[in-house]
Amino acid sequence: MKVLKILGIATLVFMAIIVLIIALIWGSIEWNRYSKKKEAIRYQKEVCDTIRTVVGNFELKVDGFMPKELKTIKFYLKRDQLIIRDTTINFTAENDLETQMLTIPFKIWDVKDWIIVVIKDRTYLLSGFSYIAYYNYGMFGPVGPCQCGGSSYQNVNGKPAGSGWLLKKEGLLNYQLPPRK
């Protein structure tokens, strides 16, 4: 009987140690996530919100257009109610699907600038570009330092972008372009 009692107490102590180790590991992971979240909020305010120049080619997704409708796409860069740059691209669809990826042809612009995209007879006004703080995530949470990444446009045609896609049915018809600089 005494042996069973000692064996039972030893089993309970062993299980308590296992539960304590699991709790410590879980607590460590949760604390790391919490501190990284706080750091990302700080980084957003101190770094990402201060970026005023967009550098790089960003992609847009268009949906609802047939590949032949996407052959010629016009891009306009609008600043202070004037078009300061424009370009036309000849687009070749990668496949026959209605969803395609476009790359904005401007390499540098201001976050307050508007990009006007004209596809066939549809016009899209893109505004509110911003940067957001993010981490690369591994199996147990964030890995590496915080970074700023281009989010996308907050507004398409003056409405919240939602998915950020340019949908054919939401394009403006008969839009009058602003004057050129």
N, C-alpha and C. Protein backbone atom coordinates (compact mmCIF):
# COMPACT_ATOMS: atom_id res chain seq x y z
N MET A 1 0.81 -1.18 0.00
CA MET A 1 0.00 0.00 0.00
C MET A 1 0.86 1.26 0.00
N LYS A 2 1.92 1.22 0.82
CA LYS A 2 2.79 2.37 0.91
C LYS A 2 3.46 2.66 -0.43
N VAL A 3 3.81 1.62 -1.17
CA VAL A 3 4.45 1.76 -2.48
C VAL A 3 3.47 2.42 -3.47
N LEU A 4 2.22 2.01 -3.44
CA LEU A 4 1.22 2.62 -4.33
C LEU A 4 0.99 4.09 -3.99
N LYS A 5 1.03 4.39 -2.69
CA LYS A 5 0.85 5.78 -2.28
C LYS A 5 2.01 6.64 -2.78
N ILE A 6 3.23 6.15 -2.63
CA ILE A 6 4.42 6.88 -3.11
C ILE A 6 4.38 6.99 -4.63
N LEU A 7 3.99 5.91 -5.29
CA LEU A 7 3.89 5.92 -6.75
C LEU A 7 2.82 6.92 -7.22
N GLY A 8 1.70 7.00 -6.55
CA GLY A 8 0.64 7.95 -6.89
C GLY A 8 1.09 9.39 -6.69
N ILE A 9 1.79 9.66 -5.59
CA ILE A 9 2.30 11.02 -5.33
C ILE A 9 3.35 11.39 -6.38
N ALA A 10 4.23 10.46 -6.72
CA ALA A 10 5.25 10.72 -7.73
C ALA A 10 4.61 11.00 -9.09
N THR A 11 3.55 10.28 -9.43
CA THR A 11 2.85 10.50 -10.70
C THR A 11 2.21 11.89 -10.72
N LEU A 12 1.58 12.26 -9.60
CA LEU A 12 0.97 13.59 -9.53
C LEU A 12 2.02 14.70 -9.64
N VAL A 13 3.16 14.54 -8.96
CA VAL A 13 4.23 15.54 -9.05
C VAL A 13 4.76 15.62 -10.48
N PHE A 14 4.96 14.46 -11.11
CA PHE A 14 5.44 14.44 -12.50
C PHE A 14 4.46 15.15 -13.43
N MET A 15 3.16 14.86 -13.27
CA MET A 15 2.15 15.51 -14.11
C MET A 15 2.08 17.01 -13.84
N ALA A 16 2.25 17.40 -12.58
CA ALA A 16 2.25 18.83 -12.24
C ALA A 16 3.43 19.54 -12.89
N ILE A 17 4.59 18.88 -12.90
CA ILE A 17 5.78 19.46 -13.54
C ILE A 17 5.54 19.60 -15.05
N ILE A 18 4.94 18.59 -15.68
CA ILE A 18 4.64 18.65 -17.12
C ILE A 18 3.69 19.81 -17.41
N VAL A 19 2.63 19.93 -16.61
CA VAL A 19 1.65 21.03 -16.80
C VAL A 19 2.33 22.37 -16.60
N LEU A 20 3.21 22.48 -15.61
CA LEU A 20 3.93 23.72 -15.36
C LEU A 20 4.85 24.08 -16.53
N ILE A 21 5.55 23.11 -17.09
CA ILE A 21 6.41 23.36 -18.25
C ILE A 21 5.58 23.83 -19.45
N ILE A 22 4.47 23.15 -19.70
CA ILE A 22 3.59 23.57 -20.82
C ILE A 22 3.07 24.97 -20.58
N ALA A 23 2.67 25.29 -19.36
CA ALA A 23 2.17 26.63 -19.04
C ALA A 23 3.26 27.68 -19.24
N LEU A 24 4.50 27.37 -18.86
CA LEU A 24 5.60 28.32 -19.06
C LEU A 24 5.87 28.55 -20.55
N ILE A 25 5.86 27.51 -21.34
CA ILE A 25 6.08 27.65 -22.78
C ILE A 25 4.95 28.47 -23.40
N TRP A 26 3.72 28.14 -23.07
CA TRP A 26 2.57 28.87 -23.60
C TRP A 26 2.63 30.34 -23.17
N GLY A 27 2.94 30.60 -21.90
CA GLY A 27 3.04 31.97 -21.40
C GLY A 27 4.13 32.75 -22.12
N SER A 28 5.25 32.10 -22.40
CA SER A 28 6.35 32.75 -23.11
C SER A 28 5.92 33.13 -24.52
N ILE A 29 5.24 32.23 -25.21
CA ILE A 29 4.77 32.51 -26.57
C ILE A 29 3.77 33.67 -26.56
N GLU A 30 2.83 33.63 -25.63
CA GLU A 30 1.82 34.70 -25.55
C GLU A 30 2.46 36.04 -25.19
N TRP A 31 3.43 36.05 -24.30
CA TRP A 31 4.10 37.29 -23.94
C TRP A 31 4.86 37.85 -25.15
N ASN A 32 5.50 36.97 -25.90
CA ASN A 32 6.22 37.41 -27.10
C ASN A 32 5.25 38.03 -28.10
N ARG A 33 4.09 37.42 -28.32
CA ARG A 33 3.09 37.98 -29.23
C ARG A 33 2.59 39.33 -28.74
N TYR A 34 2.33 39.43 -27.45
CA TYR A 34 1.85 40.68 -26.86
C TYR A 34 2.88 41.80 -27.04
N SER A 35 4.15 41.52 -26.73
CA SER A 35 5.18 42.56 -26.84
C SER A 35 5.42 42.94 -28.30
N LYS A 36 5.35 41.98 -29.21
CA LYS A 36 5.52 42.28 -30.64
C LYS A 36 4.35 43.13 -31.15
N LYS A 37 3.14 42.87 -30.67
CA LYS A 37 1.98 43.66 -31.06
C LYS A 37 2.13 45.11 -30.60
N LYS A 38 2.59 45.29 -29.36
CA LYS A 38 2.83 46.63 -28.83
C LYS A 38 3.93 47.33 -29.63
N GLU A 39 4.97 46.60 -29.98
CA GLU A 39 6.07 47.18 -30.76
C GLU A 39 5.58 47.58 -32.15
N ALA A 40 4.72 46.77 -32.76
CA ALA A 40 4.18 47.10 -34.08
C ALA A 40 3.34 48.37 -34.02
N ILE A 41 2.56 48.56 -32.97
CA ILE A 41 1.76 49.78 -32.82
C ILE A 41 2.68 50.99 -32.71
N ARG A 42 3.74 50.88 -31.91
CA ARG A 42 4.71 51.96 -31.77
C ARG A 42 5.41 52.24 -33.09
N TYR A 43 5.82 51.19 -33.78
CA TYR A 43 6.53 51.32 -35.06
C TYR A 43 5.62 51.97 -36.11
N GLN A 44 4.34 51.62 -36.09
CA GLN A 44 3.38 52.22 -37.02
C GLN A 44 3.34 53.73 -36.84
N LYS A 45 3.24 54.18 -35.59
CA LYS A 45 3.14 55.62 -35.31
C LYS A 45 4.44 56.35 -35.60
N GLU A 46 5.56 55.76 -35.19
CA GLU A 46 6.84 56.45 -35.29
C GLU A 46 7.50 56.36 -36.66
N VAL A 47 7.23 55.30 -37.41
CA VAL A 47 7.94 55.11 -38.69
C VAL A 47 6.98 55.07 -39.88
N CYS A 48 6.07 54.11 -39.88
CA CYS A 48 5.23 53.89 -41.07
C CYS A 48 4.33 55.09 -41.38
N ASP A 49 3.78 55.73 -40.36
CA ASP A 49 2.89 56.88 -40.59
C ASP A 49 3.64 58.11 -41.06
N THR A 50 4.98 58.13 -40.95
CA THR A 50 5.76 59.29 -41.37
C THR A 50 6.26 59.17 -42.81
N ILE A 51 6.09 58.02 -43.43
CA ILE A 51 6.56 57.84 -44.81
C ILE A 51 5.63 58.60 -45.75
N ARG A 52 6.20 59.47 -46.56
CA ARG A 52 5.40 60.31 -47.46
C ARG A 52 5.62 59.98 -48.94
N THR A 53 6.65 59.22 -49.25
CA THR A 53 6.95 58.90 -50.64
C THR A 53 6.81 57.40 -50.86
N VAL A 54 6.07 57.03 -51.88
CA VAL A 54 5.90 55.63 -52.25
C VAL A 54 6.99 55.29 -53.27
N VAL A 55 7.74 54.25 -53.00
CA VAL A 55 8.79 53.82 -53.91
C VAL A 55 8.55 52.36 -54.25
N GLY A 56 8.46 52.08 -55.53
CA GLY A 56 8.29 50.69 -55.95
C GLY A 56 7.08 50.51 -56.83
N ASN A 57 7.02 49.40 -57.46
CA ASN A 57 5.89 49.07 -58.31
C ASN A 57 4.94 48.18 -57.52
N PHE A 58 3.72 48.65 -57.37
CA PHE A 58 2.74 47.88 -56.63
C PHE A 58 1.72 47.28 -57.58
N GLU A 59 1.18 46.16 -57.15
CA GLU A 59 0.25 45.44 -58.01
C GLU A 59 -1.19 45.77 -57.66
N LEU A 60 -2.03 45.70 -58.68
CA LEU A 60 -3.48 45.85 -58.55
C LEU A 60 -4.12 44.60 -59.13
N LYS A 61 -5.24 44.22 -58.59
CA LYS A 61 -6.00 43.10 -59.15
C LYS A 61 -7.25 43.67 -59.81
N VAL A 62 -7.49 43.24 -61.04
CA VAL A 62 -8.70 43.65 -61.75
C VAL A 62 -9.54 42.40 -61.99
N ASP A 63 -10.85 42.59 -61.91
CA ASP A 63 -11.74 41.44 -62.05
C ASP A 63 -12.96 41.85 -62.86
N GLY A 64 -13.41 40.95 -63.69
CA GLY A 64 -14.62 41.17 -64.49
C GLY A 64 -14.34 41.54 -65.92
N PHE A 65 -13.08 41.77 -66.27
CA PHE A 65 -12.71 42.15 -67.63
C PHE A 65 -12.26 40.92 -68.40
N MET A 66 -12.61 40.89 -69.65
CA MET A 66 -12.09 39.86 -70.54
C MET A 66 -10.67 40.28 -70.94
N PRO A 67 -9.79 39.33 -71.22
CA PRO A 67 -8.42 39.68 -71.57
C PRO A 67 -8.30 40.69 -72.72
N LYS A 68 -9.21 40.63 -73.69
CA LYS A 68 -9.13 41.59 -74.80
C LYS A 68 -9.46 43.02 -74.36
N GLU A 69 -10.24 43.18 -73.28
CA GLU A 69 -10.56 44.51 -72.77
C GLU A 69 -9.38 45.15 -72.05
N LEU A 70 -8.41 44.34 -71.67
CA LEU A 70 -7.25 44.82 -70.90
C LEU A 70 -6.05 45.14 -71.78
N LYS A 71 -6.20 45.11 -73.09
CA LYS A 71 -5.05 45.31 -73.98
C LYS A 71 -4.38 46.66 -73.78
N THR A 72 -5.16 47.73 -73.61
CA THR A 72 -4.60 49.06 -73.40
C THR A 72 -5.16 49.62 -72.10
N ILE A 73 -4.25 49.95 -71.18
CA ILE A 73 -4.65 50.49 -69.88
C ILE A 73 -3.90 51.80 -69.67
N LYS A 74 -4.64 52.83 -69.29
CA LYS A 74 -4.04 54.15 -69.08
C LYS A 74 -3.97 54.45 -67.58
N PHE A 75 -2.83 54.99 -67.16
CA PHE A 75 -2.60 55.39 -65.78
C PHE A 75 -2.30 56.88 -65.75
N TYR A 76 -2.90 57.58 -64.79
CA TYR A 76 -2.66 59.00 -64.60
C TYR A 76 -2.31 59.23 -63.14
N LEU A 77 -1.34 60.11 -62.89
CA LEU A 77 -0.95 60.48 -61.54
C LEU A 77 -1.47 61.89 -61.28
N LYS A 78 -2.37 62.02 -60.31
CA LYS A 78 -3.03 63.30 -60.01
C LYS A 78 -2.52 63.85 -58.69
N ARG A 79 -2.06 65.11 -58.74
CA ARG A 79 -1.59 65.80 -57.53
C ARG A 79 -2.16 67.22 -57.55
N ASP A 80 -2.76 67.63 -56.46
CA ASP A 80 -3.33 68.98 -56.34
C ASP A 80 -4.29 69.30 -57.49
N GLN A 81 -5.19 68.39 -57.78
CA GLN A 81 -6.24 68.55 -58.79
C GLN A 81 -5.72 68.64 -60.23
N LEU A 82 -4.43 68.34 -60.45
CA LEU A 82 -3.86 68.34 -61.79
C LEU A 82 -3.18 67.01 -62.08
N ILE A 83 -3.24 66.59 -63.32
CA ILE A 83 -2.51 65.39 -63.73
C ILE A 83 -1.07 65.80 -63.99
N ILE A 84 -0.14 65.16 -63.26
CA ILE A 84 1.26 65.52 -63.42
C ILE A 84 2.05 64.51 -64.26
N ARG A 85 1.52 63.29 -64.37
CA ARG A 85 2.17 62.26 -65.19
C ARG A 85 1.12 61.32 -65.72
N ASP A 86 1.39 60.74 -66.88
CA ASP A 86 0.50 59.71 -67.39
C ASP A 86 1.31 58.72 -68.21
N THR A 87 0.76 57.55 -68.36
CA THR A 87 1.40 56.52 -69.17
C THR A 87 0.33 55.53 -69.62
N THR A 88 0.61 54.88 -70.72
CA THR A 88 -0.27 53.84 -71.23
C THR A 88 0.53 52.56 -71.34
N ILE A 89 -0.07 51.47 -70.88
CA ILE A 89 0.62 50.19 -71.00
C ILE A 89 -0.19 49.27 -71.91
N ASN A 90 0.53 48.45 -72.63
CA ASN A 90 -0.09 47.40 -73.42
C ASN A 90 0.01 46.13 -72.59
N PHE A 91 -1.12 45.66 -72.13
CA PHE A 91 -1.17 44.53 -71.20
C PHE A 91 -1.48 43.25 -71.94
N THR A 92 -0.73 42.21 -71.61
CA THR A 92 -0.99 40.89 -72.14
C THR A 92 -1.41 40.00 -70.97
N ALA A 93 -2.59 39.45 -71.05
CA ALA A 93 -3.11 38.61 -69.97
C ALA A 93 -2.29 37.33 -69.84
N GLU A 94 -2.08 36.91 -68.61
CA GLU A 94 -1.32 35.68 -68.34
C GLU A 94 -2.14 34.44 -68.64
N ASN A 95 -3.46 34.56 -68.52
CA ASN A 95 -4.35 33.42 -68.74
C ASN A 95 -5.72 33.95 -69.19
N ASP A 96 -6.67 33.08 -69.37
CA ASP A 96 -7.99 33.48 -69.83
C ASP A 96 -8.96 33.78 -68.70
N LEU A 97 -8.48 33.85 -67.49
CA LEU A 97 -9.35 34.13 -66.35
C LEU A 97 -9.74 35.61 -66.33
N GLU A 98 -10.82 35.91 -65.62
CA GLU A 98 -11.27 37.30 -65.53
C GLU A 98 -10.46 38.10 -64.51
N THR A 99 -9.75 37.44 -63.61
CA THR A 99 -8.93 38.14 -62.62
C THR A 99 -7.49 38.20 -63.12
N GLN A 100 -6.96 39.42 -63.18
CA GLN A 100 -5.60 39.64 -63.66
C GLN A 100 -4.86 40.56 -62.70
N MET A 101 -3.53 40.48 -62.72
CA MET A 101 -2.68 41.35 -61.90
C MET A 101 -2.05 42.40 -62.79
N LEU A 102 -2.19 43.67 -62.39
CA LEU A 102 -1.55 44.79 -63.08
C LEU A 102 -0.50 45.39 -62.17
N THR A 103 0.53 45.96 -62.74
CA THR A 103 1.53 46.66 -61.95
C THR A 103 1.41 48.15 -62.24
N ILE A 104 1.35 48.95 -61.17
CA ILE A 104 1.30 50.40 -61.34
C ILE A 104 2.62 50.83 -61.96
N PRO A 105 2.59 51.53 -63.09
CA PRO A 105 3.84 51.83 -63.81
C PRO A 105 4.68 52.96 -63.21
N PHE A 106 4.16 53.68 -62.24
CA PHE A 106 4.92 54.78 -61.64
C PHE A 106 5.81 54.22 -60.53
N LYS A 107 7.09 54.62 -60.54
CA LYS A 107 8.03 54.10 -59.56
C LYS A 107 8.03 54.91 -58.27
N ILE A 108 7.80 56.22 -58.36
CA ILE A 108 7.83 57.09 -57.18
C ILE A 108 6.65 58.05 -57.25
N TRP A 109 5.93 58.15 -56.13
CA TRP A 109 4.86 59.14 -56.02
C TRP A 109 4.61 59.43 -54.54
N ASP A 110 3.85 60.45 -54.25
CA ASP A 110 3.52 60.85 -52.89
C ASP A 110 2.32 60.05 -52.39
N VAL A 111 2.25 59.79 -51.09
CA VAL A 111 1.13 59.01 -50.56
C VAL A 111 -0.21 59.73 -50.71
N LYS A 112 -0.17 61.06 -50.87
CA LYS A 112 -1.41 61.82 -51.03
C LYS A 112 -1.85 61.93 -52.49
N ASP A 113 -1.01 61.48 -53.41
CA ASP A 113 -1.38 61.51 -54.83
C ASP A 113 -2.49 60.50 -55.10
N TRP A 114 -3.21 60.77 -56.15
CA TRP A 114 -4.25 59.85 -56.62
C TRP A 114 -3.73 59.18 -57.89
N ILE A 115 -4.07 57.92 -58.05
CA ILE A 115 -3.78 57.21 -59.30
C ILE A 115 -5.13 57.00 -59.98
N ILE A 116 -5.20 57.41 -61.22
CA ILE A 116 -6.42 57.22 -62.01
C ILE A 116 -6.11 56.12 -63.03
N VAL A 117 -6.92 55.07 -63.03
CA VAL A 117 -6.72 53.95 -63.94
C VAL A 117 -7.92 53.91 -64.88
N VAL A 118 -7.65 53.89 -66.19
CA VAL A 118 -8.72 53.81 -67.18
C VAL A 118 -8.54 52.49 -67.94
N ILE A 119 -9.55 51.62 -67.81
CA ILE A 119 -9.57 50.34 -68.51
C ILE A 119 -10.80 50.36 -69.40
N LYS A 120 -10.55 50.35 -70.71
CA LYS A 120 -11.61 50.43 -71.71
C LYS A 120 -12.44 51.67 -71.46
N ASP A 121 -13.68 51.57 -71.02
CA ASP A 121 -14.52 52.74 -70.76
C ASP A 121 -14.77 52.95 -69.26
N ARG A 122 -14.02 52.24 -68.42
CA ARG A 122 -14.20 52.33 -66.96
C ARG A 122 -13.03 53.08 -66.34
N THR A 123 -13.33 53.95 -65.36
CA THR A 123 -12.31 54.74 -64.68
C THR A 123 -12.34 54.41 -63.19
N TYR A 124 -11.14 54.30 -62.61
CA TYR A 124 -11.00 54.01 -61.19
C TYR A 124 -10.10 55.07 -60.56
N LEU A 125 -10.57 55.69 -59.48
CA LEU A 125 -9.82 56.70 -58.76
C LEU A 125 -9.28 56.07 -57.48
N LEU A 126 -7.97 55.91 -57.38
CA LEU A 126 -7.35 55.26 -56.24
C LEU A 126 -6.71 56.31 -55.34
N SER A 127 -7.08 56.31 -54.07
CA SER A 127 -6.52 57.29 -53.13
C SER A 127 -6.32 56.64 -51.77
N GLY A 128 -5.54 57.32 -50.94
CA GLY A 128 -5.32 56.85 -49.58
C GLY A 128 -4.30 55.74 -49.45
N PHE A 129 -3.23 55.79 -50.23
CA PHE A 129 -2.18 54.79 -50.09
C PHE A 129 -1.51 54.97 -48.73
N SER A 130 -1.20 53.87 -48.07
CA SER A 130 -0.54 53.97 -46.77
C SER A 130 0.39 52.79 -46.56
N TYR A 131 1.21 52.93 -45.55
CA TYR A 131 2.11 51.85 -45.14
C TYR A 131 1.64 51.30 -43.81
N ILE A 132 1.79 50.00 -43.63
CA ILE A 132 1.42 49.38 -42.36
C ILE A 132 2.61 48.60 -41.81
N ALA A 133 2.68 48.55 -40.48
CA ALA A 133 3.73 47.80 -39.80
C ALA A 133 3.34 46.32 -39.79
N TYR A 134 4.31 45.47 -40.07
CA TYR A 134 4.04 44.04 -40.07
C TYR A 134 5.30 43.25 -39.68
N TYR A 135 5.08 42.01 -39.34
CA TYR A 135 6.15 41.06 -39.04
C TYR A 135 6.03 39.87 -39.97
N ASN A 136 7.13 39.20 -40.15
CA ASN A 136 7.08 37.87 -40.76
C ASN A 136 6.77 36.90 -39.64
N TYR A 137 5.84 36.00 -39.88
CA TYR A 137 5.42 35.08 -38.83
C TYR A 137 5.96 33.68 -39.07
N GLY A 138 6.42 33.08 -37.99
CA GLY A 138 6.87 31.70 -38.03
C GLY A 138 5.87 30.82 -37.30
N MET A 139 6.29 29.65 -36.94
CA MET A 139 5.41 28.69 -36.31
C MET A 139 4.91 29.14 -34.93
N PHE A 140 5.74 29.87 -34.19
CA PHE A 140 5.37 30.28 -32.84
C PHE A 140 5.20 31.79 -32.71
N GLY A 141 4.97 32.48 -33.82
CA GLY A 141 4.74 33.92 -33.74
C GLY A 141 5.69 34.70 -34.61
N PRO A 142 5.79 36.01 -34.34
CA PRO A 142 6.62 36.89 -35.17
C PRO A 142 8.09 36.51 -35.15
N VAL A 143 8.72 36.65 -36.32
CA VAL A 143 10.14 36.35 -36.46
C VAL A 143 10.80 37.56 -37.10
N GLY A 144 11.88 38.04 -36.51
CA GLY A 144 12.63 39.15 -37.09
C GLY A 144 12.06 40.50 -36.70
N PRO A 145 12.65 41.57 -37.24
CA PRO A 145 12.23 42.93 -36.87
C PRO A 145 10.94 43.36 -37.57
N CYS A 146 10.35 44.40 -37.04
CA CYS A 146 9.14 44.99 -37.62
C CYS A 146 9.53 45.74 -38.90
N GLN A 147 8.63 45.74 -39.88
CA GLN A 147 8.89 46.40 -41.16
C GLN A 147 7.65 47.17 -41.59
N CYS A 148 7.85 48.12 -42.50
CA CYS A 148 6.73 48.85 -43.10
C CYS A 148 6.50 48.30 -44.51
N GLY A 149 5.26 48.00 -44.82
CA GLY A 149 4.93 47.51 -46.15
C GLY A 149 3.76 48.27 -46.71
N GLY A 150 3.75 48.47 -48.01
CA GLY A 150 2.63 49.16 -48.65
C GLY A 150 1.35 48.36 -48.49
N SER A 151 0.32 49.01 -48.01
CA SER A 151 -0.92 48.28 -47.74
C SER A 151 -1.75 48.13 -49.00
N SER A 152 -2.09 49.21 -49.60
CA SER A 152 -2.92 49.26 -50.79
C SER A 152 -3.69 50.55 -50.69
N TYR A 153 -4.59 50.73 -51.58
CA TYR A 153 -5.39 51.94 -51.54
C TYR A 153 -6.57 51.75 -50.61
N GLN A 154 -6.80 52.78 -49.78
CA GLN A 154 -7.91 52.73 -48.83
C GLN A 154 -9.24 53.02 -49.52
N ASN A 155 -9.20 53.81 -50.60
CA ASN A 155 -10.42 54.21 -51.29
C ASN A 155 -10.31 53.96 -52.79
N VAL A 156 -11.38 53.42 -53.36
CA VAL A 156 -11.50 53.28 -54.81
C VAL A 156 -12.78 53.99 -55.20
N ASN A 157 -12.67 54.99 -56.06
CA ASN A 157 -13.81 55.81 -56.50
C ASN A 157 -14.51 56.48 -55.31
N GLY A 158 -13.73 56.92 -54.32
CA GLY A 158 -14.28 57.64 -53.19
C GLY A 158 -14.96 56.77 -52.14
N LYS A 159 -14.96 55.46 -52.31
CA LYS A 159 -15.57 54.56 -51.33
C LYS A 159 -14.49 53.68 -50.73
N PRO A 160 -14.71 53.21 -49.49
CA PRO A 160 -13.72 52.28 -48.91
C PRO A 160 -13.48 51.10 -49.85
N ALA A 161 -12.20 50.76 -50.01
CA ALA A 161 -11.81 49.79 -51.03
C ALA A 161 -12.26 48.37 -50.74
N GLY A 162 -12.41 48.03 -49.48
CA GLY A 162 -12.79 46.65 -49.18
C GLY A 162 -11.69 45.69 -49.59
N SER A 163 -11.88 45.00 -50.68
CA SER A 163 -10.90 44.02 -51.13
C SER A 163 -9.70 44.68 -51.81
N GLY A 164 -9.86 45.91 -52.26
CA GLY A 164 -8.77 46.57 -52.98
C GLY A 164 -8.70 46.20 -54.45
N TRP A 165 -9.63 45.40 -54.90
CA TRP A 165 -9.65 44.99 -56.30
C TRP A 165 -10.40 46.03 -57.12
N LEU A 166 -10.05 46.11 -58.41
CA LEU A 166 -10.79 46.96 -59.34
C LEU A 166 -11.80 46.07 -60.05
N LEU A 167 -13.04 46.19 -59.65
CA LEU A 167 -14.11 45.38 -60.22
C LEU A 167 -14.76 46.14 -61.37
N LYS A 168 -15.00 45.47 -62.47
CA LYS A 168 -15.56 46.10 -63.65
C LYS A 168 -16.87 46.81 -63.34
N LYS A 169 -17.73 46.17 -62.56
CA LYS A 169 -19.05 46.75 -62.28
C LYS A 169 -18.97 48.01 -61.42
N GLU A 170 -17.83 48.27 -60.75
CA GLU A 170 -17.69 49.45 -59.90
C GLU A 170 -16.95 50.59 -60.58
N GLY A 171 -16.54 50.40 -61.84
CA GLY A 171 -15.83 51.45 -62.56
C GLY A 171 -16.76 52.59 -62.92
N LEU A 172 -16.19 53.81 -62.93
CA LEU A 172 -16.98 54.99 -63.30
C LEU A 172 -17.06 55.10 -64.82
N LEU A 173 -18.23 55.40 -65.32
CA LEU A 173 -18.44 55.63 -66.75
C LEU A 173 -18.47 57.13 -67.02
N ASN A 174 -17.95 57.55 -68.15
CA ASN A 174 -17.98 58.96 -68.58
C ASN A 174 -17.31 59.89 -67.57
N TYR A 175 -16.21 59.48 -66.99
CA TYR A 175 -15.48 60.32 -66.04
C TYR A 175 -14.65 61.34 -66.81
N GLN A 176 -14.72 62.60 -66.39
CA GLN A 176 -13.95 63.68 -67.02
C GLN A 176 -12.61 63.82 -66.29
N LEU A 177 -11.51 63.58 -66.99
CA LEU A 177 -10.19 63.69 -66.39
C LEU A 177 -9.88 65.13 -66.01
N PRO A 178 -9.13 65.36 -64.90
CA PRO A 178 -8.74 66.72 -64.54
C PRO A 178 -7.73 67.27 -65.55
N PRO A 179 -7.50 68.60 -65.54
CA PRO A 179 -6.54 69.18 -66.49
C PRO A 179 -5.11 68.75 -66.18
N ARG A 180 -4.26 68.85 -67.19
CA ARG A 180 -2.84 68.49 -67.05
C ARG A 180 -2.06 69.67 -66.54
N LYS A 181 -0.96 69.35 -65.89
CA LYS A 181 -0.06 70.38 -65.35
C LYS A 181 0.71 71.02 -66.47
